[in-house]
Amino acid sequence: MTTQRLEQLSEMFTIILVPGLRDSDQYHWQSCWGRRFPFWKRISQRNWLEPDIDAWICAIRRELVTCHLPAILVGHSFGALASCRLIQTYKMNIAGIVMVAPAEPSLFELDEAVLPEKLHTSSIMFASRNDPLMSFKRAQFWAECWGAHVIDIGDAGHINTESGFGEWEYGLEQLAEFGEGLKIENKNQV
């Protein structure tokens, strides 16, 4: 059922996966989702080890310019921060953003780059209560600043391979629900 919902959603939106530092290994939920939905896009770049937010933004923009439909960015960790920064600094055809375990901006000295201000698009944030890169309290703070709905998934580490997140069906279900909400918003705006 979720697969069918996401396939239908992909007729209205382009889903773009935005991995964080070191990319996402083959067992990571982003890689699993990319194999399950091969028509989704995924950013690529030369250096996955250097936390260069401008390089991440350029990689996202390269994917966006090829899109004929509004995009939903699905960013993990540093990729979520780059997605936020892009939305805060560029006007592009982005319908929504899904942030999964965004890292604390100050960990990468991005305090002045990723701003605590409302995003100009719909957003949700998956947050873990024991994420080593952002405390749950800080996740709530950033979600409030950005206008994102928080999905508390309990003690889930950094929501990555090491934390046991491979196929991650719950994440796909929430993505489908989020996208269907965007679909309704778009219809109401027409």
C-alpha atoms as a PDB file:
ATOM      1  CA  MET A   1       0.000   0.000   0.000  1.00  0.00           C
ATOM      2  CA  THR A   2       2.772   2.473   0.919  1.00  0.00           C
ATOM      3  CA  THR A   3       4.633   1.646  -2.290  1.00  0.00           C
ATOM      4  CA  GLN A   4       1.546   2.407  -4.375  1.00  0.00           C
ATOM      5  CA  ARG A   5       0.953   5.689  -2.501  1.00  0.00           C
ATOM      6  CA  LEU A   6       4.554   6.793  -3.076  1.00  0.00           C
ATOM      7  CA  GLU A   7       4.434   5.804  -6.756  1.00  0.00           C
ATOM      8  CA  GLN A   8       1.324   7.969  -7.166  1.00  0.00           C
ATOM      9  CA  LEU A   9       2.998  10.777  -5.258  1.00  0.00           C
ATOM     10  CA  SER A  10       5.963  10.589  -7.625  1.00  0.00           C
ATOM     11  CA  GLU A  11       3.637  11.565 -10.464  1.00  0.00           C
ATOM     12  CA  MET A  12       3.130  14.953  -8.754  1.00  0.00           C
ATOM     13  CA  PHE A  13       6.510  15.515  -7.076  1.00  0.00           C
ATOM     14  CA  THR A  14      10.153  14.690  -7.664  1.00  0.00           C
ATOM     15  CA  ILE A  15      11.650  13.083  -4.572  1.00  0.00           C
ATOM     16  CA  ILE A  16      15.317  13.994  -4.067  1.00  0.00           C
ATOM     17  CA  LEU A  17      17.392  12.110  -1.496  1.00  0.00           C
ATOM     18  CA  VAL A  18      20.058  14.279   0.156  1.00  0.00           C
ATOM     19  CA  PRO A  19      22.544  12.161   2.142  1.00  0.00           C
ATOM     20  CA  GLY A  20      24.788  13.609   4.841  1.00  0.00           C
ATOM     21  CA  LEU A  21      28.517  13.289   5.411  1.00  0.00           C
ATOM     22  CA  ARG A  22      30.145  10.117   4.062  1.00  0.00           C
ATOM     23  CA  ASP A  23      27.081   9.572   1.838  1.00  0.00           C
ATOM     24  CA  SER A  24      24.722   6.750   2.845  1.00  0.00           C
ATOM     25  CA  ASP A  25      26.056   3.196   2.710  1.00  0.00           C
ATOM     26  CA  GLN A  26      24.164   0.448   0.910  1.00  0.00           C
ATOM     27  CA  TYR A  27      22.242  -0.578   4.055  1.00  0.00           C
ATOM     28  CA  HIS A  28      21.193   2.960   5.016  1.00  0.00           C
ATOM     29  CA  TRP A  29      17.490   3.780   4.658  1.00  0.00           C
ATOM     30  CA  GLN A  30      18.230   6.364   1.913  1.00  0.00           C
ATOM     31  CA  SER A  31      20.004   3.731  -0.185  1.00  0.00           C
ATOM     32  CA  CYS A  32      17.255   1.185   0.476  1.00  0.00           C
ATOM     33  CA  TRP A  33      14.632   3.726  -0.573  1.00  0.00           C
ATOM     34  CA  GLY A  34      16.611   4.620  -3.692  1.00  0.00           C
ATOM     35  CA  ARG A  35      16.702   0.972  -4.760  1.00  0.00           C
ATOM     36  CA  ARG A  36      12.989   0.530  -4.015  1.00  0.00           C
ATOM     37  CA  PHE A  37      12.077   3.688  -5.967  1.00  0.00           C
ATOM     38  CA  PRO A  38      14.713   3.927  -8.712  1.00  0.00           C
ATOM     39  CA  PHE A  39      12.908   6.880 -10.326  1.00  0.00           C
ATOM     40  CA  TRP A  40      13.686   9.032  -7.263  1.00  0.00           C
ATOM     41  CA  LYS A  41      16.725  11.283  -7.580  1.00  0.00           C
ATOM     42  CA  ARG A  42      19.761  11.365  -5.303  1.00  0.00           C
ATOM     43  CA  ILE A  43      22.409  14.050  -5.147  1.00  0.00           C
ATOM     44  CA  SER A  44      25.948  13.157  -6.098  1.00  0.00           C
ATOM     45  CA  GLN A  45      29.208  14.963  -5.508  1.00  0.00           C
ATOM     46  CA  ARG A  46      32.944  14.382  -5.462  1.00  0.00           C
ATOM     47  CA  ASN A  47      33.739  14.854  -1.796  1.00  0.00           C
ATOM     48  CA  TRP A  48      31.384  13.335   0.761  1.00  0.00           C
ATOM     49  CA  LEU A  49      33.910  13.735   3.591  1.00  0.00           C
ATOM     50  CA  GLU A  50      34.223  17.523   3.712  1.00  0.00           C
ATOM     51  CA  PRO A  51      31.276  19.301   5.402  1.00  0.00           C
ATOM     52  CA  ASP A  52      31.083  22.023   2.753  1.00  0.00           C
ATOM     53  CA  ILE A  53      27.506  23.302   2.807  1.00  0.00           C
ATOM     54  CA  ASP A  54      27.962  25.195  -0.466  1.00  0.00           C
ATOM     55  CA  ALA A  55      29.024  21.976  -2.235  1.00  0.00           C
ATOM     56  CA  TRP A  56      25.911  20.214  -0.891  1.00  0.00           C
ATOM     57  CA  ILE A  57      23.701  23.092  -2.034  1.00  0.00           C
ATOM     58  CA  CYS A  58      25.261  22.997  -5.522  1.00  0.00           C
ATOM     59  CA  ALA A  59      24.609  19.257  -5.691  1.00  0.00           C
ATOM     60  CA  ILE A  60      20.950  19.753  -4.727  1.00  0.00           C
ATOM     61  CA  ARG A  61      20.558  22.580  -7.245  1.00  0.00           C
ATOM     62  CA  ARG A  62      22.018  20.383 -10.013  1.00  0.00           C
ATOM     63  CA  GLU A  63      19.229  17.884  -9.364  1.00  0.00           C
ATOM     64  CA  LEU A  64      16.551  20.557  -9.043  1.00  0.00           C
ATOM     65  CA  VAL A  65      17.272  22.115 -12.448  1.00  0.00           C
ATOM     66  CA  THR A  66      16.456  18.770 -14.094  1.00  0.00           C
ATOM     67  CA  CYS A  67      13.068  18.501 -12.349  1.00  0.00           C
ATOM     68  CA  HIS A  68       9.839  19.161 -14.193  1.00  0.00           C
ATOM     69  CA  LEU A  69       7.764  18.744 -11.033  1.00  0.00           C
ATOM     70  CA  PRO A  70       7.961  20.432  -7.632  1.00  0.00           C
ATOM     71  CA  ALA A  71      10.496  18.639  -5.430  1.00  0.00           C
ATOM     72  CA  ILE A  72      10.379  17.089  -1.994  1.00  0.00           C
ATOM     73  CA  LEU A  73      13.857  17.068  -0.447  1.00  0.00           C
ATOM     74  CA  VAL A  74      14.589  14.174   1.921  1.00  0.00           C
ATOM     75  CA  GLY A  75      17.713  15.122   3.835  1.00  0.00           C
ATOM     76  CA  HIS A  76      19.607  13.183   6.475  1.00  0.00           C
ATOM     77  CA  SER A  77      21.906  14.844   9.016  1.00  0.00           C
ATOM     78  CA  PHE A  78      24.191  17.331   7.197  1.00  0.00           C
ATOM     79  CA  GLY A  79      22.009  16.815   4.102  1.00  0.00           C
ATOM     80  CA  ALA A  80      19.026  18.125   6.084  1.00  0.00           C
ATOM     81  CA  LEU A  81      21.016  21.224   7.046  1.00  0.00           C
ATOM     82  CA  ALA A  82      22.030  21.814   3.420  1.00  0.00           C
ATOM     83  CA  SER A  83      18.385  21.450   2.371  1.00  0.00           C
ATOM     84  CA  CYS A  84      17.359  24.070   4.961  1.00  0.00           C
ATOM     85  CA  ARG A  85      20.110  26.445   3.867  1.00  0.00           C
ATOM     86  CA  LEU A  86      19.063  26.069   0.230  1.00  0.00           C
ATOM     87  CA  ILE A  87      15.457  26.904   1.056  1.00  0.00           C
ATOM     88  CA  GLN A  88      16.552  29.882   3.165  1.00  0.00           C
ATOM     89  CA  THR A  89      18.738  31.363   0.412  1.00  0.00           C
ATOM     90  CA  TYR A  90      17.250  30.393  -2.966  1.00  0.00           C
ATOM     91  CA  LYS A  91      13.787  30.463  -4.474  1.00  0.00           C
ATOM     92  CA  MET A  92      13.366  27.105  -6.172  1.00  0.00           C
ATOM     93  CA  ASN A  93      10.510  24.760  -6.999  1.00  0.00           C
ATOM     94  CA  ILE A  94      10.511  22.901  -3.664  1.00  0.00           C
ATOM     95  CA  ALA A  95       7.155  21.735  -2.330  1.00  0.00           C
ATOM     96  CA  GLY A  96       8.433  20.360   0.963  1.00  0.00           C
ATOM     97  CA  ILE A  97      11.341  19.121   2.995  1.00  0.00           C
ATOM     98  CA  VAL A  98      11.690  16.003   5.125  1.00  0.00           C
ATOM     99  CA  MET A  99      14.529  16.303   7.637  1.00  0.00           C
ATOM    100  CA  VAL A 100      15.763  13.124   9.263  1.00  0.00           C
ATOM    101  CA  ALA A 101      18.060  13.523  12.276  1.00  0.00           C
ATOM    102  CA  PRO A 102      19.416  16.925  11.244  1.00  0.00           C
ATOM    103  CA  ALA A 103      22.756  17.652  12.849  1.00  0.00           C
ATOM    104  CA  GLU A 104      23.205  20.593  15.199  1.00  0.00           C
ATOM    105  CA  PRO A 105      24.378  23.461  12.926  1.00  0.00           C
ATOM    106  CA  SER A 106      27.017  24.608  15.447  1.00  0.00           C
ATOM    107  CA  LEU A 107      28.802  21.232  15.124  1.00  0.00           C
ATOM    108  CA  PHE A 108      29.831  22.378  11.643  1.00  0.00           C
ATOM    109  CA  GLU A 109      30.200  26.076  12.484  1.00  0.00           C
ATOM    110  CA  LEU A 110      27.043  26.849  10.502  1.00  0.00           C
ATOM    111  CA  ASP A 111      25.432  29.117  13.095  1.00  0.00           C
ATOM    112  CA  GLU A 112      25.367  31.996  10.622  1.00  0.00           C
ATOM    113  CA  ALA A 113      24.533  29.879   7.582  1.00  0.00           C
ATOM    114  CA  VAL A 114      21.589  27.763   8.760  1.00  0.00           C
ATOM    115  CA  LEU A 115      19.328  30.290  10.380  1.00  0.00           C
ATOM    116  CA  PRO A 116      16.680  29.873  13.087  1.00  0.00           C
ATOM    117  CA  GLU A 117      13.914  31.254  10.879  1.00  0.00           C
ATOM    118  CA  LYS A 118      10.773  29.808   9.345  1.00  0.00           C
ATOM    119  CA  LEU A 119      11.265  27.889   6.135  1.00  0.00           C
ATOM    120  CA  HIS A 120       9.151  29.017   3.209  1.00  0.00           C
ATOM    121  CA  THR A 121       7.902  25.505   2.541  1.00  0.00           C
ATOM    122  CA  SER A 122       6.153  22.700   4.397  1.00  0.00           C
ATOM    123  CA  SER A 123       8.449  20.545   6.485  1.00  0.00           C
ATOM    124  CA  ILE A 124       8.630  17.632   8.877  1.00  0.00           C
ATOM    125  CA  MET A 125      11.487  16.504  11.083  1.00  0.00           C
ATOM    126  CA  PHE A 126      12.171  13.005  12.391  1.00  0.00           C
ATOM    127  CA  ALA A 127      13.984  13.383  15.718  1.00  0.00           C
ATOM    128  CA  SER A 128      15.544  10.829  18.030  1.00  0.00           C
ATOM    129  CA  ARG A 129      15.749  11.220  21.787  1.00  0.00           C
ATOM    130  CA  ASN A 130      19.363   9.978  21.866  1.00  0.00           C
ATOM    131  CA  ASP A 131      20.819  11.362  18.639  1.00  0.00           C
ATOM    132  CA  PRO A 132      24.526  12.065  19.248  1.00  0.00           C
ATOM    133  CA  LEU A 133      24.505  14.945  16.718  1.00  0.00           C
ATOM    134  CA  MET A 134      21.496  16.854  18.094  1.00  0.00           C
ATOM    135  CA  SER A 135      19.694  16.543  21.403  1.00  0.00           C
ATOM    136  CA  PHE A 136      15.927  16.129  21.304  1.00  0.00           C
ATOM    137  CA  LYS A 137      15.489  19.471  23.067  1.00  0.00           C
ATOM    138  CA  ARG A 138      17.543  21.204  20.354  1.00  0.00           C
ATOM    139  CA  ALA A 139      15.641  19.333  17.647  1.00  0.00           C
ATOM    140  CA  GLN A 140      12.418  20.737  19.107  1.00  0.00           C
ATOM    141  CA  PHE A 141      13.952  24.229  19.165  1.00  0.00           C
ATOM    142  CA  TRP A 142      15.040  24.041  15.507  1.00  0.00           C
ATOM    143  CA  ALA A 143      11.749  22.503  14.401  1.00  0.00           C
ATOM    144  CA  GLU A 144       9.861  25.373  16.019  1.00  0.00           C
ATOM    145  CA  CYS A 145      12.164  27.930  14.363  1.00  0.00           C
ATOM    146  CA  TRP A 146      11.821  26.290  10.957  1.00  0.00           C
ATOM    147  CA  GLY A 147       8.071  25.657  11.277  1.00  0.00           C
ATOM    148  CA  ALA A 148       8.547  21.890  10.983  1.00  0.00           C
ATOM    149  CA  HIS A 149       6.302  19.241  12.467  1.00  0.00           C
ATOM    150  CA  VAL A 150       8.366  16.964  14.750  1.00  0.00           C
ATOM    151  CA  ILE A 151       7.975  13.204  14.573  1.00  0.00           C
ATOM    152  CA  ASP A 152       9.427  11.779  17.800  1.00  0.00           C
ATOM    153  CA  ILE A 153      10.728   8.284  17.100  1.00  0.00           C
ATOM    154  CA  GLY A 154      12.106   7.650  20.574  1.00  0.00           C
ATOM    155  CA  ASP A 155      15.602   6.319  21.209  1.00  0.00           C
ATOM    156  CA  ALA A 156      16.754   5.836  17.627  1.00  0.00           C
ATOM    157  CA  GLY A 157      20.334   7.089  17.647  1.00  0.00           C
ATOM    158  CA  HIS A 158      21.215   9.019  14.507  1.00  0.00           C
ATOM    159  CA  ILE A 159      18.545   7.213  12.438  1.00  0.00           C
ATOM    160  CA  ASN A 160      21.148   5.533  10.245  1.00  0.00           C
ATOM    161  CA  THR A 161      22.589   2.105   9.501  1.00  0.00           C
ATOM    162  CA  GLU A 162      24.386   1.915  12.855  1.00  0.00           C
ATOM    163  CA  SER A 163      21.043   2.508  14.590  1.00  0.00           C
ATOM    164  CA  GLY A 164      19.375  -0.287  12.593  1.00  0.00           C
ATOM    165  CA  PHE A 165      17.539   1.841  10.021  1.00  0.00           C
ATOM    166  CA  GLY A 166      17.549  -0.036   6.729  1.00  0.00           C
ATOM    167  CA  GLU A 167      14.273  -0.360   4.831  1.00  0.00           C
ATOM    168  CA  TRP A 168      12.487   1.827   7.424  1.00  0.00           C
ATOM    169  CA  GLU A 169       8.877   1.346   6.418  1.00  0.00           C
ATOM    170  CA  TYR A 170       7.609   3.824   9.033  1.00  0.00           C
ATOM    171  CA  GLY A 171       9.667   6.585   7.415  1.00  0.00           C
ATOM    172  CA  LEU A 172       8.164   5.761   4.021  1.00  0.00           C
ATOM    173  CA  GLU A 173       4.640   5.814   5.483  1.00  0.00           C
ATOM    174  CA  GLN A 174       5.263   9.246   6.997  1.00  0.00           C
ATOM    175  CA  LEU A 175       6.768  10.509   3.725  1.00  0.00           C
ATOM    176  CA  ALA A 176       3.641   9.317   1.892  1.00  0.00           C
ATOM    177  CA  GLU A 177       1.378  11.059   4.394  1.00  0.00           C
ATOM    178  CA  PHE A 178       3.427  14.262   4.196  1.00  0.00           C
ATOM    179  CA  GLY A 179       3.378  14.235   0.385  1.00  0.00           C
ATOM    180  CA  GLU A 180      -0.358  13.573   0.260  1.00  0.00           C
ATOM    181  CA  GLY A 181      -0.834  16.622   2.488  1.00  0.00           C
ATOM    182  CA  LEU A 182       1.235  18.669   0.031  1.00  0.00           C
ATOM    183  CA  LYS A 183      -0.916  17.357  -2.792  1.00  0.00           C
ATOM    184  CA  ILE A 184      -4.040  18.645  -1.025  1.00  0.00           C
ATOM    185  CA  GLU A 185      -2.332  22.022  -0.354  1.00  0.00           C
ATOM    186  CA  ASN A 186      -1.435  22.335  -4.054  1.00  0.00           C
ATOM    187  CA  LYS A 187      -5.002  21.557  -5.125  1.00  0.00           C
ATOM    188  CA  ASN A 188      -6.375  24.180  -2.753  1.00  0.00           C
ATOM    189  CA  GLN A 189      -3.989  26.812  -4.137  1.00  0.00           C
ATOM    190  CA  VAL A 190      -5.074  26.262  -7.747  1.00  0.00           C
END
